[in-house]
Protein backbone atom coordinates (compact mmCIF):
# COMPACT_ATOMS: atom_id res chain seq x y z
CA MET A 1 -31.98 -1.78 171.38
CA GLU A 2 -29.81 1.81 171.31
CA PRO A 3 -25.82 1.67 170.47
CA ASP A 4 -23.79 2.81 173.31
CA PRO A 5 -22.05 5.71 172.93
CA GLU A 6 -19.05 4.07 172.68
CA THR A 7 -19.98 2.45 169.40
CA LEU A 8 -21.50 5.33 168.24
CA ASP A 9 -17.94 7.61 168.34
CA ARG A 10 -16.27 4.59 166.66
CA LEU A 11 -18.68 4.83 164.03
CA ARG A 12 -18.27 8.50 163.71
CA ALA A 13 -14.36 7.71 163.04
CA GLY A 14 -15.60 5.40 160.31
CA GLU A 15 -15.36 2.05 162.10
CA ARG A 16 -16.71 -0.88 160.45
CA ASP A 17 -16.56 -2.84 163.36
CA ALA A 18 -18.63 -0.27 164.97
CA LEU A 19 -21.00 -0.16 161.99
CA ALA A 20 -21.61 -4.07 162.46
CA ALA A 21 -22.78 -3.59 165.99
CA VAL A 22 -25.23 -1.06 164.68
CA TYR A 23 -26.60 -3.21 162.26
CA ALA A 24 -27.10 -6.02 164.36
CA ALA A 25 -28.63 -3.77 166.85
CA LEU A 26 -30.73 -2.28 164.31
CA ALA A 27 -31.07 -4.24 161.58
CA ASP A 28 -34.59 -6.31 161.98
CA ARG A 29 -36.18 -2.60 163.23
CA VAL A 30 -34.94 -1.53 159.79
CA TYR A 31 -36.23 -4.15 157.92
CA ARG A 32 -39.60 -4.12 159.23
CA VAL A 33 -39.96 -0.68 158.60
CA THR A 34 -38.51 -1.07 154.90
CA ARG A 35 -40.67 -4.03 154.07
CA ASN A 36 -43.96 -2.40 155.20
CA LEU A 37 -43.07 0.49 153.14
CA LEU A 38 -42.20 -0.91 150.03
CA GLY A 39 -44.02 -4.27 150.05
CA GLN A 40 -41.86 -6.37 148.71
CA ASP A 41 -38.71 -8.84 150.10
CA ALA A 42 -36.41 -8.17 147.82
CA ASP A 43 -36.93 -4.20 148.18
CA ALA A 44 -36.32 -4.34 151.75
CA GLU A 45 -33.48 -6.09 151.63
CA ASP A 46 -31.80 -3.71 149.27
CA ALA A 47 -33.09 -1.05 150.94
CA THR A 48 -31.68 -2.02 154.48
CA GLN A 49 -28.32 -2.30 153.07
CA GLU A 50 -28.67 1.11 151.22
CA VAL A 51 -29.80 2.63 155.00
CA PHE A 52 -26.79 0.93 156.61
CA LEU A 53 -24.28 2.36 153.82
CA LYS A 54 -25.93 6.13 154.59
CA VAL A 55 -25.88 5.19 157.69
CA PHE A 56 -21.77 4.70 157.77
CA GLN A 57 -21.11 7.36 155.26
CA HIS A 58 -23.30 10.25 157.31
CA ALA A 59 -22.42 9.16 160.88
CA ALA A 60 -20.28 12.08 161.64
CA SER A 61 -23.69 14.67 161.06
CA PHE A 62 -25.88 12.79 163.52
CA ALA A 63 -25.93 15.34 166.18
CA GLY A 64 -27.53 13.46 169.02
CA ARG A 65 -30.61 15.77 169.21
CA ALA A 66 -32.84 12.67 168.65
CA ARG A 67 -31.99 9.14 169.69
CA PHE A 68 -29.62 7.24 167.23
CA SER A 69 -32.23 4.62 166.13
CA THR A 70 -34.36 7.45 165.57
CA TRP A 71 -32.12 9.12 163.14
CA VAL A 72 -31.84 5.54 161.35
CA HIS A 73 -35.41 5.54 161.15
CA ARG A 74 -35.53 8.70 159.58
CA ILE A 75 -32.83 7.72 157.02
CA ALA A 76 -34.95 4.23 156.24
CA VAL A 77 -38.45 6.06 155.75
CA HIS A 78 -37.04 8.80 153.68
CA HIS A 79 -35.09 6.15 151.61
CA CYS A 80 -37.89 4.18 151.07
CA TYR A 81 -40.23 7.40 150.22
CA TRP A 82 -37.15 8.04 147.51
CA ARG A 83 -37.61 4.23 146.53
CA LEU A 84 -41.51 5.02 145.80
CA ARG A 85 -40.70 7.82 143.78
CA GLN A 86 -38.25 5.99 141.69
CA ARG A 87 -40.93 3.29 141.26
CA ARG A 88 -43.58 5.26 139.94
CA ARG A 89 -41.75 7.46 137.94
CA ARG A 90 -40.21 4.13 136.10
CA ALA A 91 -44.13 2.57 136.26
CA GLY A 92 -45.03 5.62 134.50
CA SER A 93 -48.17 5.98 137.33
CA GLN A 94 -49.54 8.84 138.99
CA ASP A 95 -50.80 6.53 141.72
CA ALA A 96 -48.89 6.52 145.02
CA ALA A 97 -50.04 3.16 145.41
CA VAL A 98 -47.43 0.68 146.14
CA GLU A 99 -47.40 -2.88 144.55
CA VAL A 100 -47.40 -5.08 147.33
CA GLY A 101 -45.85 -8.91 147.77
CA THR A 102 -46.59 -10.97 150.89
CA LEU A 103 -45.43 -9.35 154.35
CA PRO A 104 -44.76 -11.46 157.24
CA ASP A 105 -47.33 -11.42 160.50
CA PRO A 106 -45.54 -8.26 162.18
CA ARG A 107 -45.69 -9.50 165.64
CA ASP A 108 -44.42 -13.20 165.22
CA GLY A 109 -43.25 -13.30 160.91
CA SER A 110 -45.92 -16.57 161.24
CA GLY A 111 -49.10 -16.83 160.25
CA PRO A 112 -51.27 -17.85 157.34
CA ALA A 113 -50.62 -16.58 153.96
CA ASP A 114 -54.31 -15.26 153.55
CA ALA A 115 -53.80 -13.09 156.67
CA ARG A 116 -50.40 -11.67 155.01
CA ASP A 117 -51.86 -11.02 151.76
CA LEU A 118 -54.67 -9.03 153.31
CA LEU A 119 -52.70 -7.00 155.69
CA ASP A 120 -50.53 -6.19 152.68
CA ARG A 121 -53.30 -5.05 150.50
CA MET A 122 -54.47 -3.15 153.58
CA LEU A 123 -50.99 -0.95 154.17
CA GLY A 124 -50.96 -0.87 149.78
CA SER A 125 -53.91 1.13 149.68
CA LEU A 126 -52.71 3.72 151.91
CA ASN A 127 -50.47 6.76 150.56
CA ALA A 128 -46.38 6.44 151.73
CA GLU A 129 -47.10 9.13 154.11
CA GLN A 130 -50.02 7.36 156.05
CA ARG A 131 -48.52 3.92 155.86
CA ALA A 132 -45.51 5.06 156.95
CA ALA A 133 -47.05 6.54 160.15
CA VAL A 134 -48.89 3.32 160.59
CA VAL A 135 -46.30 1.34 160.62
CA LEU A 136 -43.89 3.49 163.05
CA ARG A 137 -46.80 3.45 165.30
CA GLU A 138 -48.60 0.10 164.91
CA VAL A 139 -46.34 -2.28 164.06
CA GLU A 140 -42.61 -0.90 165.73
CA GLY A 141 -44.98 0.67 168.65
CA LEU A 142 -43.20 4.13 168.88
CA SER A 143 -44.37 6.89 170.11
CA TYR A 144 -46.06 9.82 168.42
CA GLN A 145 -43.21 12.32 169.25
CA GLU A 146 -40.66 9.53 167.75
CA ILE A 147 -42.40 9.35 164.77
CA ALA A 148 -42.64 13.08 164.44
CA ASP A 149 -39.36 13.22 165.04
CA ILE A 150 -38.44 10.36 162.55
CA LEU A 151 -41.27 11.67 159.76
CA GLU A 152 -39.99 15.79 160.82
CA VAL A 153 -43.20 16.62 160.99
CA PRO A 154 -45.18 17.96 163.76
CA ILE A 155 -47.28 15.48 166.06
CA GLY A 156 -50.45 17.14 164.85
CA THR A 157 -49.61 15.95 161.88
CA VAL A 158 -48.68 12.55 162.69
CA MET A 159 -51.98 12.38 164.52
CA SER A 160 -53.87 13.38 161.83
CA ARG A 161 -52.38 11.03 159.23
CA LEU A 162 -52.53 7.98 161.55
CA ASN A 163 -56.59 9.19 162.03
CA ARG A 164 -57.32 9.17 158.54
CA ALA A 165 -54.98 5.90 157.66
CA ARG A 166 -57.27 4.37 160.61
CA SER A 167 -60.62 5.54 158.91
CA LEU A 168 -59.51 4.45 155.27
CA LEU A 169 -58.35 0.95 157.21
CA ALA A 170 -61.47 0.98 158.83
CA ALA A 171 -63.55 1.29 155.58
CA ASP A 172 -61.49 -1.07 153.93
CA ALA A 173 -62.04 -3.81 156.38
CA ALA A 174 -66.08 -3.11 156.27
CA ARG A 175 -66.08 -3.25 152.60
CA ARG A 176 -64.39 -6.80 153.10
CA MET A 177 -66.08 -7.57 155.68
CA ALA A 178 -69.54 -6.83 153.74
CA HIS A 179 -68.17 -8.35 150.52
CA GLU A 180 -68.02 -11.87 152.13
CA ARG A 181 -71.17 -11.99 153.20
CA ILE A 182 -72.79 -11.51 149.90
């Protein structure tokens, strides 16, 4: 859901009630993205709040070249990348994989815990760029163009990341299935 132009004008003018309206319209989507990229509920909750603070602080810079939700998603993804870099630095690890917790089912927020755990482990096996592409396409249902705009990369790069991620996920699923048969 896109905020109406009047709400965006009020947001650009620094009105907090406009931020509340924007938050109401986009918070669930931003939370899903941050949760899927960061892998932990608490981190996603914090990141969602931080994203909307950035939206409020930088609303005047929204130029309208893309949809407002695309601009907000871009802020969310870049903020998650920053958090993941910070996490790696603190951990002293060169590994780009994220420690993941439990992930609600992306379609309805429910489902067996083992399915959520499996989805978490599979997303956690991807690097941040691949995970972002998969989450934006498969969970959020965005077009290749929207993903390219959010990630600020060419469509070909989005397609390449998705192809590579899907290949890795398929190989991972095949390994898991073979292991379960043993």
